[in-house]
């Protein structure tokens, strides 16, 4: 997984914006103003993605490249390695899952505006 692919993919999702609110190296992707993915621009070693708590535990048990979210709520976030230990197809699926979890948490009016 390369940062260019990941960035392009995230920005292709409806209503997604990007910013660096913490420092110049920490890139955040948001939907409706809420973060669904965080990564380091310089190293791109991993991405923090939101995840359903039950599935998060399963994923961590099945994949050595998926661990509790670094600097995040360990119940709701995973850190997913970009070293190839997590297949790209699963990486994209986890990105979509994070995006839709955050999208579903937004007010219905905001969801409708994004889904236009």
PDB file of N, CA and C in Angstrom:
ATOM      1  N   UNK A   1       0.852  -1.178   0.000  1.00  0.00           N
ATOM      2  CA  UNK A   1       0.000   0.000   0.000  1.00  0.00           C
ATOM      3  C   UNK A   1       0.895   1.237   0.000  1.00  0.00           C
ATOM      4  N   UNK A   2       0.591   2.149  -0.888  1.00  0.00           N
ATOM      5  CA  UNK A   2       1.330   3.407  -0.983  1.00  0.00           C
ATOM      6  C   UNK A   2       0.414   4.552  -0.573  1.00  0.00           C
ATOM      7  N   UNK A   3       1.002   5.595  -0.025  1.00  0.00           N
ATOM      8  CA  UNK A   3       0.208   6.718   0.463  1.00  0.00           C
ATOM      9  C   UNK A   3      -0.591   7.379  -0.659  1.00  0.00           C
ATOM     10  N   UNK A   4      -0.042   7.412  -1.866  1.00  0.00           N
ATOM     11  CA  UNK A   4      -0.761   8.037  -2.984  1.00  0.00           C
ATOM     12  C   UNK A   4      -2.058   7.281  -3.265  1.00  0.00           C
ATOM     13  N   UNK A   5      -1.970   5.940  -3.288  1.00  0.00           N
ATOM     14  CA  UNK A   5      -3.169   5.125  -3.512  1.00  0.00           C
ATOM     15  C   UNK A   5      -4.176   5.364  -2.385  1.00  0.00           C
ATOM     16  N   UNK A   6      -3.697   5.304  -1.132  1.00  0.00           N
ATOM     17  CA  UNK A   6      -4.582   5.465   0.010  1.00  0.00           C
ATOM     18  C   UNK A   6      -5.253   6.836  -0.002  1.00  0.00           C
ATOM     19  N   UNK A   7      -4.476   7.867  -0.242  1.00  0.00           N
ATOM     20  CA  UNK A   7      -5.024   9.232  -0.265  1.00  0.00           C
ATOM     21  C   UNK A   7      -6.059   9.381  -1.374  1.00  0.00           C
ATOM     22  N   UNK A   8      -5.712   8.934  -2.577  1.00  0.00           N
ATOM     23  CA  UNK A   8      -6.653   9.028  -3.702  1.00  0.00           C
ATOM     24  C   UNK A   8      -7.938   8.259  -3.402  1.00  0.00           C
ATOM     25  N   UNK A   9      -7.787   7.078  -2.791  1.00  0.00           N
ATOM     26  CA  UNK A   9      -8.966   6.274  -2.481  1.00  0.00           C
ATOM     27  C   UNK A   9      -9.862   7.006  -1.482  1.00  0.00           C
ATOM     28  N   UNK A  10      -9.276   7.489  -0.394  1.00  0.00           N
ATOM     29  CA  UNK A  10     -10.069   8.207   0.621  1.00  0.00           C
ATOM     30  C   UNK A  10     -10.783   9.405   0.024  1.00  0.00           C
ATOM     31  N   UNK A  11     -10.062  10.182  -0.785  1.00  0.00           N
ATOM     32  CA  UNK A  11     -10.657  11.380  -1.368  1.00  0.00           C
ATOM     33  C   UNK A  11     -11.715  11.073  -2.426  1.00  0.00           C
ATOM     34  N   UNK A  12     -11.759   9.837  -2.902  1.00  0.00           N
ATOM     35  CA  UNK A  12     -12.783   9.443  -3.872  1.00  0.00           C
ATOM     36  C   UNK A  12     -14.124   9.144  -3.199  1.00  0.00           C
ATOM     37  N   UNK A  13     -14.118   8.984  -1.887  1.00  0.00           N
ATOM     38  CA  UNK A  13     -15.355   8.702  -1.162  1.00  0.00           C
ATOM     39  C   UNK A  13     -16.161   9.995  -1.007  1.00  0.00           C
ATOM     40  N   UNK A  14     -17.486   9.916  -1.092  1.00  0.00           N
ATOM     41  CA  UNK A  14     -18.316  11.122  -1.020  1.00  0.00           C
ATOM     42  C   UNK A  14     -18.115  11.920   0.271  1.00  0.00           C
ATOM     43  N   UNK A  15     -17.935  13.224   0.109  1.00  0.00           N
ATOM     44  CA  UNK A  15     -17.873  14.135   1.240  1.00  0.00           C
ATOM     45  C   UNK A  15     -16.585  14.137   2.039  1.00  0.00           C
ATOM     46  N   UNK A  16     -15.548  13.490   1.525  1.00  0.00           N
ATOM     47  CA  UNK A  16     -14.298  13.390   2.290  1.00  0.00           C
ATOM     48  C   UNK A  16     -13.434  14.623   2.090  1.00  0.00           C
ATOM     49  N   UNK A  17     -12.866  15.089   3.205  1.00  0.00           N
ATOM     50  CA  UNK A  17     -11.886  16.166   3.192  1.00  0.00           C
ATOM     51  C   UNK A  17     -10.639  15.673   3.919  1.00  0.00           C
ATOM     52  N   UNK A  18      -9.539  16.383   3.731  1.00  0.00           N
ATOM     53  CA  UNK A  18      -8.303  16.042   4.416  1.00  0.00           C
ATOM     54  C   UNK A  18      -7.732  17.282   5.070  1.00  0.00           C
ATOM     55  N   UNK A  19      -7.015  17.073   6.170  1.00  0.00           N
ATOM     56  CA  UNK A  19      -6.333  18.176   6.820  1.00  0.00           C
ATOM     57  C   UNK A  19      -5.219  17.629   7.708  1.00  0.00           C
ATOM     58  N   UNK A  20      -4.427  18.550   8.245  1.00  0.00           N
ATOM     59  CA  UNK A  20      -3.332  18.193   9.148  1.00  0.00           C
ATOM     60  C   UNK A  20      -3.496  19.006  10.432  1.00  0.00           C
ATOM     61  N   UNK A  21      -4.485  18.648  11.270  1.00  0.00           N
ATOM     62  CA  UNK A  21      -4.807  19.472  12.436  1.00  0.00           C
ATOM     63  C   UNK A  21      -3.829  19.367  13.604  1.00  0.00           C
ATOM     64  N   UNK A  22      -3.050  18.289  13.659  1.00  0.00           N
ATOM     65  CA  UNK A  22      -2.182  18.058  14.813  1.00  0.00           C
ATOM     66  C   UNK A  22      -0.755  18.545  14.570  1.00  0.00           C
ATOM     67  N   UNK A  23      -0.230  18.269  13.393  1.00  0.00           N
ATOM     68  CA  UNK A  23       1.093  18.730  12.971  1.00  0.00           C
ATOM     69  C   UNK A  23       1.194  18.501  11.472  1.00  0.00           C
ATOM     70  N   UNK A  24       2.295  18.946  10.864  1.00  0.00           N
ATOM     71  CA  UNK A  24       2.402  18.870   9.400  1.00  0.00           C
ATOM     72  C   UNK A  24       2.545  17.456   8.858  1.00  0.00           C
ATOM     73  N   UNK A  25       2.827  16.462   9.728  1.00  0.00           N
ATOM     74  CA  UNK A  25       2.997  15.083   9.267  1.00  0.00           C
ATOM     75  C   UNK A  25       1.785  14.190   9.490  1.00  0.00           C
ATOM     76  N   UNK A  26       0.848  14.617  10.316  1.00  0.00           N
ATOM     77  CA  UNK A  26      -0.303  13.771  10.640  1.00  0.00           C
ATOM     78  C   UNK A  26      -1.481  14.161   9.765  1.00  0.00           C
ATOM     79  N   UNK A  27      -1.772  13.293   8.797  1.00  0.00           N
ATOM     80  CA  UNK A  27      -2.836  13.546   7.829  1.00  0.00           C
ATOM     81  C   UNK A  27      -4.123  12.865   8.284  1.00  0.00           C
ATOM     82  N   UNK A  28      -5.192  13.649   8.345  1.00  0.00           N
ATOM     83  CA  UNK A  28      -6.494  13.135   8.753  1.00  0.00           C
ATOM     84  C   UNK A  28      -7.473  13.220   7.586  1.00  0.00           C
ATOM     85  N   UNK A  29      -8.273  12.183   7.457  1.00  0.00           N
ATOM     86  CA  UNK A  29      -9.364  12.173   6.481  1.00  0.00           C
ATOM     87  C   UNK A  29     -10.663  12.216   7.258  1.00  0.00           C
ATOM     88  N   UNK A  30     -11.560  13.085   6.821  1.00  0.00           N
ATOM     89  CA  UNK A  30     -12.822  13.310   7.531  1.00  0.00           C
ATOM     90  C   UNK A  30     -14.012  13.171   6.597  1.00  0.00           C
ATOM     91  N   UNK A  31     -15.132  12.797   7.200  1.00  0.00           N
ATOM     92  CA  UNK A  31     -16.414  12.861   6.516  1.00  0.00           C
ATOM     93  C   UNK A  31     -17.352  13.597   7.465  1.00  0.00           C
ATOM     94  N   UNK A  32     -18.013  14.625   6.951  1.00  0.00           N
ATOM     95  CA  UNK A  32     -18.882  15.426   7.799  1.00  0.00           C
ATOM     96  C   UNK A  32     -18.149  16.068   8.961  1.00  0.00           C
ATOM     97  N   UNK A  33     -16.866  16.330   8.788  1.00  0.00           N
ATOM     98  CA  UNK A  33     -16.064  16.963   9.822  1.00  0.00           C
ATOM     99  C   UNK A  33     -15.504  16.016  10.866  1.00  0.00           C
ATOM    100  N   UNK A  34     -15.844  14.717  10.789  1.00  0.00           N
ATOM    101  CA  UNK A  34     -15.360  13.737  11.764  1.00  0.00           C
ATOM    102  C   UNK A  34     -14.295  12.839  11.129  1.00  0.00           C
ATOM    103  N   UNK A  35     -13.253  12.576  11.878  1.00  0.00           N
ATOM    104  CA  UNK A  35     -12.126  11.782  11.389  1.00  0.00           C
ATOM    105  C   UNK A  35     -12.502  10.308  11.257  1.00  0.00           C
ATOM    106  N   UNK A  36     -12.118   9.707  10.108  1.00  0.00           N
ATOM    107  CA  UNK A  36     -12.272   8.266   9.958  1.00  0.00           C
ATOM    108  C   UNK A  36     -10.943   7.578   9.652  1.00  0.00           C
ATOM    109  N   UNK A  37      -9.901   8.339   9.336  1.00  0.00           N
ATOM    110  CA  UNK A  37      -8.580   7.756   9.064  1.00  0.00           C
ATOM    111  C   UNK A  37      -7.493   8.770   9.416  1.00  0.00           C
ATOM    112  N   UNK A  38      -6.413   8.261  10.020  1.00  0.00           N
ATOM    113  CA  UNK A  38      -5.271   9.098  10.383  1.00  0.00           C
ATOM    114  C   UNK A  38      -3.995   8.353  10.017  1.00  0.00           C
ATOM    115  N   UNK A  39      -3.062   9.069   9.393  1.00  0.00           N
ATOM    116  CA  UNK A  39      -1.782   8.456   9.039  1.00  0.00           C
ATOM    117  C   UNK A  39      -0.661   9.486   9.108  1.00  0.00           C
ATOM    118  N   UNK A  40       0.557   8.996   9.108  1.00  0.00           N
ATOM    119  CA  UNK A  40       1.737   9.849   9.078  1.00  0.00           C
ATOM    120  C   UNK A  40       2.165  10.010   7.620  1.00  0.00           C
ATOM    121  N   UNK A  41       2.206  11.232   7.149  1.00  0.00           N
ATOM    122  CA  UNK A  41       2.539  11.499   5.750  1.00  0.00           C
ATOM    123  C   UNK A  41       3.975  11.079   5.430  1.00  0.00           C
ATOM    124  N   UNK A  42       4.900  11.361   6.330  1.00  0.00           N
ATOM    125  CA  UNK A  42       6.322  11.109   6.076  1.00  0.00           C
ATOM    126  C   UNK A  42       6.666   9.631   5.974  1.00  0.00           C
ATOM    127  N   UNK A  43       6.165   8.847   6.933  1.00  0.00           N
ATOM    128  CA  UNK A  43       6.569   7.440   6.959  1.00  0.00           C
ATOM    129  C   UNK A  43       5.532   6.494   6.365  1.00  0.00           C
ATOM    130  N   UNK A  44       4.261   6.814   6.463  1.00  0.00           N
ATOM    131  CA  UNK A  44       3.141   5.976   6.016  1.00  0.00           C
ATOM    132  C   UNK A  44       3.378   4.502   6.368  1.00  0.00           C
ATOM    133  N   UNK A  45       3.653   4.265   7.642  1.00  0.00           N
ATOM    134  CA  UNK A  45       3.857   2.901   8.138  1.00  0.00           C
ATOM    135  C   UNK A  45       2.553   2.238   8.549  1.00  0.00           C
ATOM    136  N   UNK A  46       1.552   3.053   8.921  1.00  0.00           N
ATOM    137  CA  UNK A  46       0.274   2.516   9.379  1.00  0.00           C
ATOM    138  C   UNK A  46      -0.809   3.580   9.248  1.00  0.00           C
ATOM    139  N   UNK A  47      -2.050   3.106   9.383  1.00  0.00           N
ATOM    140  CA  UNK A  47      -3.209   3.995   9.347  1.00  0.00           C
ATOM    141  C   UNK A  47      -4.116   3.623  10.512  1.00  0.00           C
ATOM    142  N   UNK A  48      -4.596   4.617  11.240  1.00  0.00           N
ATOM    143  CA  UNK A  48      -5.603   4.377  12.268  1.00  0.00           C
ATOM    144  C   UNK A  48      -6.971   4.456  11.615  1.00  0.00           C
ATOM    145  N   UNK A  49      -7.765   3.396  11.806  1.00  0.00           N
ATOM    146  CA  UNK A  49      -9.102   3.324  11.226  1.00  0.00           C
ATOM    147  C   UNK A  49     -10.108   2.931  12.302  1.00  0.00           C
ATOM    148  N   UNK A  50     -11.261   3.547  12.270  1.00  0.00           N
ATOM    149  CA  UNK A  50     -12.332   3.208  13.202  1.00  0.00           C
ATOM    150  C   UNK A  50     -12.868   1.821  12.839  1.00  0.00           C
ATOM    151  N   UNK A  51     -13.331   1.076  13.864  1.00  0.00           N
ATOM    152  CA  UNK A  51     -13.803  -0.275  13.599  1.00  0.00           C
ATOM    153  C   UNK A  51     -14.839  -0.686  14.642  1.00  0.00           C
ATOM    154  N   UNK A  52     -15.808  -1.469  14.209  1.00  0.00           N
ATOM    155  CA  UNK A  52     -16.759  -2.069  15.132  1.00  0.00           C
ATOM    156  C   UNK A  52     -15.967  -2.851  16.185  1.00  0.00           C
ATOM    157  N   UNK A  53     -16.240  -2.644  17.477  1.00  0.00           N
ATOM    158  CA  UNK A  53     -15.433  -3.266  18.530  1.00  0.00           C
ATOM    159  C   UNK A  53     -15.304  -4.787  18.444  1.00  0.00           C
ATOM    160  N   UNK A  54     -16.373  -5.484  18.122  1.00  0.00           N
ATOM    161  CA  UNK A  54     -16.292  -6.946  18.032  1.00  0.00           C
ATOM    162  C   UNK A  54     -15.421  -7.380  16.855  1.00  0.00           C
ATOM    163  N   UNK A  55     -15.595  -6.729  15.727  1.00  0.00           N
ATOM    164  CA  UNK A  55     -14.789  -7.081  14.558  1.00  0.00           C
ATOM    165  C   UNK A  55     -13.334  -6.699  14.789  1.00  0.00           C
ATOM    166  N   UNK A  56     -13.117  -5.601  15.509  1.00  0.00           N
ATOM    167  CA  UNK A  56     -11.749  -5.150  15.798  1.00  0.00           C
ATOM    168  C   UNK A  56     -10.967  -6.249  16.512  1.00  0.00           C
ATOM    169  N   UNK A  57     -11.576  -6.877  17.483  1.00  0.00           N
ATOM    170  CA  UNK A  57     -10.915  -7.953  18.232  1.00  0.00           C
ATOM    171  C   UNK A  57     -10.606  -9.123  17.305  1.00  0.00           C
ATOM    172  N   UNK A  58     -11.571  -9.511  16.481  1.00  0.00           N
ATOM    173  CA  UNK A  58     -11.363 -10.610  15.520  1.00  0.00           C
ATOM    174  C   UNK A  58     -10.198 -10.304  14.578  1.00  0.00           C
ATOM    175  N   UNK A  59     -10.185  -9.102  14.045  1.00  0.00           N
ATOM    176  CA  UNK A  59      -9.134  -8.711  13.104  1.00  0.00           C
ATOM    177  C   UNK A  59      -7.758  -8.769  13.751  1.00  0.00           C
ATOM    178  N   UNK A  60      -7.672  -8.305  14.987  1.00  0.00           N
ATOM    179  CA  UNK A  60      -6.395  -8.310  15.707  1.00  0.00           C
ATOM    180  C   UNK A  60      -5.895  -9.733  15.944  1.00  0.00           C
ATOM    181  N   UNK A  61      -6.824 -10.656  16.162  1.00  0.00           N
ATOM    182  CA  UNK A  61      -6.448 -12.050  16.378  1.00  0.00           C
ATOM    183  C   UNK A  61      -6.002 -12.720  15.079  1.00  0.00           C
ATOM    184  N   UNK A  62      -6.562 -12.286  13.953  1.00  0.00           N
ATOM    185  CA  UNK A  62      -6.290 -12.925  12.664  1.00  0.00           C
ATOM    186  C   UNK A  62      -5.090 -12.341  11.923  1.00  0.00           C
ATOM    187  N   UNK A  63      -4.756 -11.073  12.182  1.00  0.00           N
ATOM    188  CA  UNK A  63      -3.724 -10.387  11.406  1.00  0.00           C
ATOM    189  C   UNK A  63      -2.710  -9.707  12.325  1.00  0.00           C
ATOM    190  N   UNK A  64      -1.465 -10.081  12.197  1.00  0.00           N
ATOM    191  CA  UNK A  64      -0.417  -9.466  13.021  1.00  0.00           C
ATOM    192  C   UNK A  64      -0.238  -7.982  12.694  1.00  0.00           C
ATOM    193  N   UNK A  65      -0.667  -7.560  11.512  1.00  0.00           N
ATOM    194  CA  UNK A  65      -0.545  -6.169  11.095  1.00  0.00           C
ATOM    195  C   UNK A  65      -1.688  -5.285  11.547  1.00  0.00           C
ATOM    196  N   UNK A  66      -2.570  -5.819  12.390  1.00  0.00           N
ATOM    197  CA  UNK A  66      -3.683  -5.025  12.925  1.00  0.00           C
ATOM    198  C   UNK A  66      -3.607  -5.092  14.444  1.00  0.00           C
ATOM    199  N   UNK A  67      -3.449  -3.922  15.055  1.00  0.00           N
ATOM    200  CA  UNK A  67      -3.305  -3.822  16.510  1.00  0.00           C
ATOM    201  C   UNK A  67      -4.237  -2.722  17.030  1.00  0.00           C
ATOM    202  N   UNK A  68      -4.446  -2.676  18.360  1.00  0.00           N
ATOM    203  CA  UNK A  68      -5.285  -1.596  18.896  1.00  0.00           C
ATOM    204  C   UNK A  68      -4.758  -0.227  18.470  1.00  0.00           C
ATOM    205  N   UNK A  69      -5.678   0.694  18.250  1.00  0.00           N
ATOM    206  CA  UNK A  69      -5.345   2.020  17.734  1.00  0.00           C
ATOM    207  C   UNK A  69      -4.328   2.780  18.556  1.00  0.00           C
ATOM    208  N   UNK A  70      -3.249   3.171  17.907  1.00  0.00           N
ATOM    209  CA  UNK A  70      -2.184   3.940  18.541  1.00  0.00           C
ATOM    210  C   UNK A  70      -2.696   5.339  18.857  1.00  0.00           C
ATOM    211  N   UNK A  71      -2.603   5.744  20.113  1.00  0.00           N
ATOM    212  CA  UNK A  71      -3.081   7.053  20.592  1.00  0.00           C
ATOM    213  C   UNK A  71      -4.579   7.252  20.371  1.00  0.00           C
ATOM    214  N   UNK A  72      -5.324   6.163  20.273  1.00  0.00           N
ATOM    215  CA  UNK A  72      -6.761   6.259  20.030  1.00  0.00           C
ATOM    216  C   UNK A  72      -7.490   5.394  21.052  1.00  0.00           C
ATOM    217  N   UNK A  73      -8.813   5.465  21.065  1.00  0.00           N
ATOM    218  CA  UNK A  73      -9.615   4.582  21.893  1.00  0.00           C
ATOM    219  C   UNK A  73      -9.414   3.160  21.376  1.00  0.00           C
ATOM    220  N   UNK A  74      -8.812   2.317  22.189  1.00  0.00           N
ATOM    221  CA  UNK A  74      -8.422   0.966  21.768  1.00  0.00           C
ATOM    222  C   UNK A  74      -9.630   0.084  21.433  1.00  0.00           C
ATOM    223  N   UNK A  75     -10.781   0.441  21.960  1.00  0.00           N
ATOM    224  CA  UNK A  75     -11.985  -0.347  21.693  1.00  0.00           C
ATOM    225  C   UNK A  75     -12.530  -0.079  20.287  1.00  0.00           C
ATOM    226  N   UNK A  76     -12.407   1.160  19.836  1.00  0.00           N
ATOM    227  CA  UNK A  76     -13.059   1.573  18.585  1.00  0.00           C
ATOM    228  C   UNK A  76     -12.106   1.843  17.422  1.00  0.00           C
ATOM    229  N   UNK A  77     -10.814   1.757  17.655  1.00  0.00           N
ATOM    230  CA  UNK A  77      -9.857   2.075  16.599  1.00  0.00           C
ATOM    231  C   UNK A  77      -8.794   0.993  16.475  1.00  0.00           C
ATOM    232  N   UNK A  78      -8.399   0.705  15.251  1.00  0.00           N
ATOM    233  CA  UNK A  78      -7.283  -0.189  14.963  1.00  0.00           C
ATOM    234  C   UNK A  78      -6.185   0.587  14.260  1.00  0.00           C
ATOM    235  N   UNK A  79      -4.960   0.179  14.499  1.00  0.00           N
ATOM    236  CA  UNK A  79      -3.840   0.654  13.704  1.00  0.00           C
ATOM    237  C   UNK A  79      -3.527  -0.471  12.720  1.00  0.00           C
ATOM    238  N   UNK A  80      -3.586  -0.155  11.432  1.00  0.00           N
ATOM    239  CA  UNK A  80      -3.401  -1.141  10.371  1.00  0.00           C
ATOM    240  C   UNK A  80      -2.073  -0.861   9.673  1.00  0.00           C
ATOM    241  N   UNK A  81      -1.223  -1.858   9.659  1.00  0.00           N
ATOM    242  CA  UNK A  81       0.112  -1.719   9.079  1.00  0.00           C
ATOM    243  C   UNK A  81       0.051  -1.612   7.562  1.00  0.00           C
ATOM    244  N   UNK A  82       0.941  -0.796   7.007  1.00  0.00           N
ATOM    245  CA  UNK A  82       1.025  -0.610   5.555  1.00  0.00           C
ATOM    246  C   UNK A  82       2.184  -1.406   4.952  1.00  0.00           C
ATOM    247  N   UNK A  83       2.730  -2.361   5.700  1.00  0.00           N
ATOM    248  CA  UNK A  83       3.912  -3.105   5.254  1.00  0.00           C
ATOM    249  C   UNK A  83       3.592  -4.316   4.370  1.00  0.00           C
ATOM    250  N   UNK A  84       2.321  -4.491   4.020  1.00  0.00           N
ATOM    251  CA  UNK A  84       1.930  -5.618   3.181  1.00  0.00           C
ATOM    252  C   UNK A  84       1.417  -6.808   3.972  1.00  0.00           C
ATOM    253  N   UNK A  85       1.494  -6.749   5.307  1.00  0.00           N
ATOM    254  CA  UNK A  85       1.000  -7.861   6.128  1.00  0.00           C
ATOM    255  C   UNK A  85      -0.531  -7.928   6.135  1.00  0.00           C
ATOM    256  N   UNK A  86      -1.171  -6.833   5.765  1.00  0.00           N
ATOM    257  CA  UNK A  86      -2.625  -6.794   5.613  1.00  0.00           C
ATOM    258  C   UNK A  86      -2.900  -6.663   4.116  1.00  0.00           C
ATOM    259  N   UNK A  87      -3.601  -7.639   3.532  1.00  0.00           N
ATOM    260  CA  UNK A  87      -3.864  -7.572   2.086  1.00  0.00           C
ATOM    261  C   UNK A  87      -4.562  -6.266   1.688  1.00  0.00           C
ATOM    262  N   UNK A  88      -4.209  -5.756   0.512  1.00  0.00           N
ATOM    263  CA  UNK A  88      -4.770  -4.477   0.057  1.00  0.00           C
ATOM    264  C   UNK A  88      -6.292  -4.510   0.016  1.00  0.00           C
ATOM    265  N   UNK A  89      -6.859  -5.631  -0.400  1.00  0.00           N
ATOM    266  CA  UNK A  89      -8.322  -5.745  -0.465  1.00  0.00           C
ATOM    267  C   UNK A  89      -8.933  -5.538   0.928  1.00  0.00           C
ATOM    268  N   UNK A  90      -8.345  -6.147   1.952  1.00  0.00           N
ATOM    269  CA  UNK A  90      -8.829  -5.975   3.315  1.00  0.00           C
ATOM    270  C   UNK A  90      -8.593  -4.548   3.794  1.00  0.00           C
ATOM    271  N   UNK A  91      -7.454  -3.981   3.445  1.00  0.00           N
ATOM    272  CA  UNK A  91      -7.137  -2.594   3.813  1.00  0.00           C
ATOM    273  C   UNK A  91      -8.223  -1.649   3.290  1.00  0.00           C
ATOM    274  N   UNK A  92      -8.606  -1.829   2.049  1.00  0.00           N
ATOM    275  CA  UNK A  92      -9.653  -0.994   1.448  1.00  0.00           C
ATOM    276  C   UNK A  92     -10.990  -1.254   2.147  1.00  0.00           C
ATOM    277  N   UNK A  93     -11.281  -2.523   2.441  1.00  0.00           N
ATOM    278  CA  UNK A  93     -12.518  -2.867   3.139  1.00  0.00           C
ATOM    279  C   UNK A  93     -12.566  -2.200   4.525  1.00  0.00           C
ATOM    280  N   UNK A  94     -11.452  -2.205   5.224  1.00  0.00           N
ATOM    281  CA  UNK A  94     -11.389  -1.572   6.544  1.00  0.00           C
ATOM    282  C   UNK A  94     -11.530  -0.056   6.453  1.00  0.00           C
ATOM    283  N   UNK A  95     -10.989   0.520   5.398  1.00  0.00           N
ATOM    284  CA  UNK A  95     -11.137   1.961   5.164  1.00  0.00           C
ATOM    285  C   UNK A  95     -12.611   2.296   4.924  1.00  0.00           C
ATOM    286  N   UNK A  96     -13.269   1.503   4.072  1.00  0.00           N
ATOM    287  CA  UNK A  96     -14.705   1.699   3.820  1.00  0.00           C
ATOM    288  C   UNK A  96     -15.510   1.545   5.109  1.00  0.00           C
ATOM    289  N   UNK A  97     -15.173   0.518   5.876  1.00  0.00           N
ATOM    290  CA  UNK A  97     -15.880   0.257   7.140  1.00  0.00           C
ATOM    291  C   UNK A  97     -15.762   1.470   8.071  1.00  0.00           C
ATOM    292  N   UNK A  98     -14.570   2.011   8.201  1.00  0.00           N
ATOM    293  CA  UNK A  98     -14.341   3.178   9.046  1.00  0.00           C
ATOM    294  C   UNK A  98     -15.159   4.373   8.534  1.00  0.00           C
ATOM    295  N   UNK A  99     -15.082   4.602   7.242  1.00  0.00           N
ATOM    296  CA  UNK A  99     -15.824   5.704   6.617  1.00  0.00           C
ATOM    297  C   UNK A  99     -17.324   5.580   6.911  1.00  0.00           C
ATOM    298  N   UNK A 100     -17.894   4.390   6.690  1.00  0.00           N
ATOM    299  CA  UNK A 100     -19.336   4.223   6.870  1.00  0.00           C
ATOM    300  C   UNK A 100     -19.753   4.262   8.344  1.00  0.00           C
ATOM    301  N   UNK A 101     -18.899   3.803   9.254  1.00  0.00           N
ATOM    302  CA  UNK A 101     -19.198   3.943  10.687  1.00  0.00           C
ATOM    303  C   UNK A 101     -19.330   5.411  11.061  1.00  0.00           C
ATOM    304  N   UNK A 102     -18.402   6.216  10.590  1.00  0.00           N
ATOM    305  CA  UNK A 102     -18.443   7.645  10.904  1.00  0.00           C
ATOM    306  C   UNK A 102     -19.614   8.312  10.191  1.00  0.00           C
ATOM    307  N   UNK A 103     -19.823   7.975   8.925  1.00  0.00           N
ATOM    308  CA  UNK A 103     -20.948   8.546   8.173  1.00  0.00           C
ATOM    309  C   UNK A 103     -22.274   8.257   8.878  1.00  0.00           C
ATOM    310  N   UNK A 104     -22.459   7.019   9.343  1.00  0.00           N
ATOM    311  CA  UNK A 104     -23.712   6.635  10.020  1.00  0.00           C
ATOM    312  C   UNK A 104     -23.892   7.361  11.352  1.00  0.00           C
ATOM    313  N   UNK A 105     -22.816   7.861  11.933  1.00  0.00           N
ATOM    314  CA  UNK A 105     -22.912   8.564  13.220  1.00  0.00           C
ATOM    315  C   UNK A 105     -23.311  10.033  13.046  1.00  0.00           C
ATOM    316  N   UNK A 106     -23.293  10.505  11.822  1.00  0.00           N
ATOM    317  CA  UNK A 106     -23.630  11.904  11.543  1.00  0.00           C
ATOM    318  C   UNK A 106     -25.146  12.103  11.561  1.00  0.00           C
ATOM    319  N   UNK A 107     -25.596  13.336  11.783  1.00  0.00           N
ATOM    320  CA  UNK A 107     -27.037  13.612  11.700  1.00  0.00           C
ATOM    321  C   UNK A 107     -27.591  13.219  10.322  1.00  0.00           C
ATOM    322  N   UNK A 108     -28.819  12.781  10.309  1.00  0.00           N
ATOM    323  CA  UNK A 108     -29.459  12.314   9.061  1.00  0.00           C
ATOM    324  C   UNK A 108     -29.391  13.367   7.957  1.00  0.00           C
ATOM    325  N   UNK A 109     -29.561  14.626   8.316  1.00  0.00           N
ATOM    326  CA  UNK A 109     -29.521  15.701   7.325  1.00  0.00           C
ATOM    327  C   UNK A 109     -28.131  15.767   6.685  1.00  0.00           C
ATOM    328  N   UNK A 110     -27.089  15.664   7.499  1.00  0.00           N
ATOM    329  CA  UNK A 110     -25.713  15.690   6.986  1.00  0.00           C
ATOM    330  C   UNK A 110     -25.456  14.479   6.109  1.00  0.00           C
ATOM    331  N   UNK A 111     -25.941  13.322   6.543  1.00  0.00           N
ATOM    332  CA  UNK A 111     -25.774  12.100   5.737  1.00  0.00           C
ATOM    333  C   UNK A 111     -26.428  12.270   4.364  1.00  0.00           C
ATOM    334  N   UNK A 112     -27.614  12.835   4.348  1.00  0.00           N
ATOM    335  CA  UNK A 112     -28.337  13.040   3.091  1.00  0.00           C
ATOM    336  C   UNK A 112     -27.597  13.996   2.176  1.00  0.00           C
ATOM    337  N   UNK A 113     -27.026  15.059   2.741  1.00  0.00           N
ATOM    338  CA  UNK A 113     -26.261  16.028   1.931  1.00  0.00           C
ATOM    339  C   UNK A 113     -25.030  15.386   1.314  1.00  0.00           C
ATOM    340  N   UNK A 114     -24.362  14.531   2.080  1.00  0.00           N
ATOM    341  CA  UNK A 114     -23.156  13.860   1.584  1.00  0.00           C
ATOM    342  C   UNK A 114     -23.505  12.839   0.520  1.00  0.00           C
ATOM    343  N   UNK A 115     -24.626  12.163   0.690  1.00  0.00           N
ATOM    344  CA  UNK A 115     -25.007  11.072  -0.216  1.00  0.00           C
ATOM    345  C   UNK A 115     -25.623  11.547  -1.527  1.00  0.00           C
ATOM    346  N   UNK A 116     -25.773  12.865  -1.716  1.00  0.00           N
ATOM    347  CA  UNK A 116     -26.375  13.392  -2.955  1.00  0.00           C
ATOM    348  C   UNK A 116     -25.553  13.028  -4.153  1.00  0.00           C
TER     349      UNK A 116
END
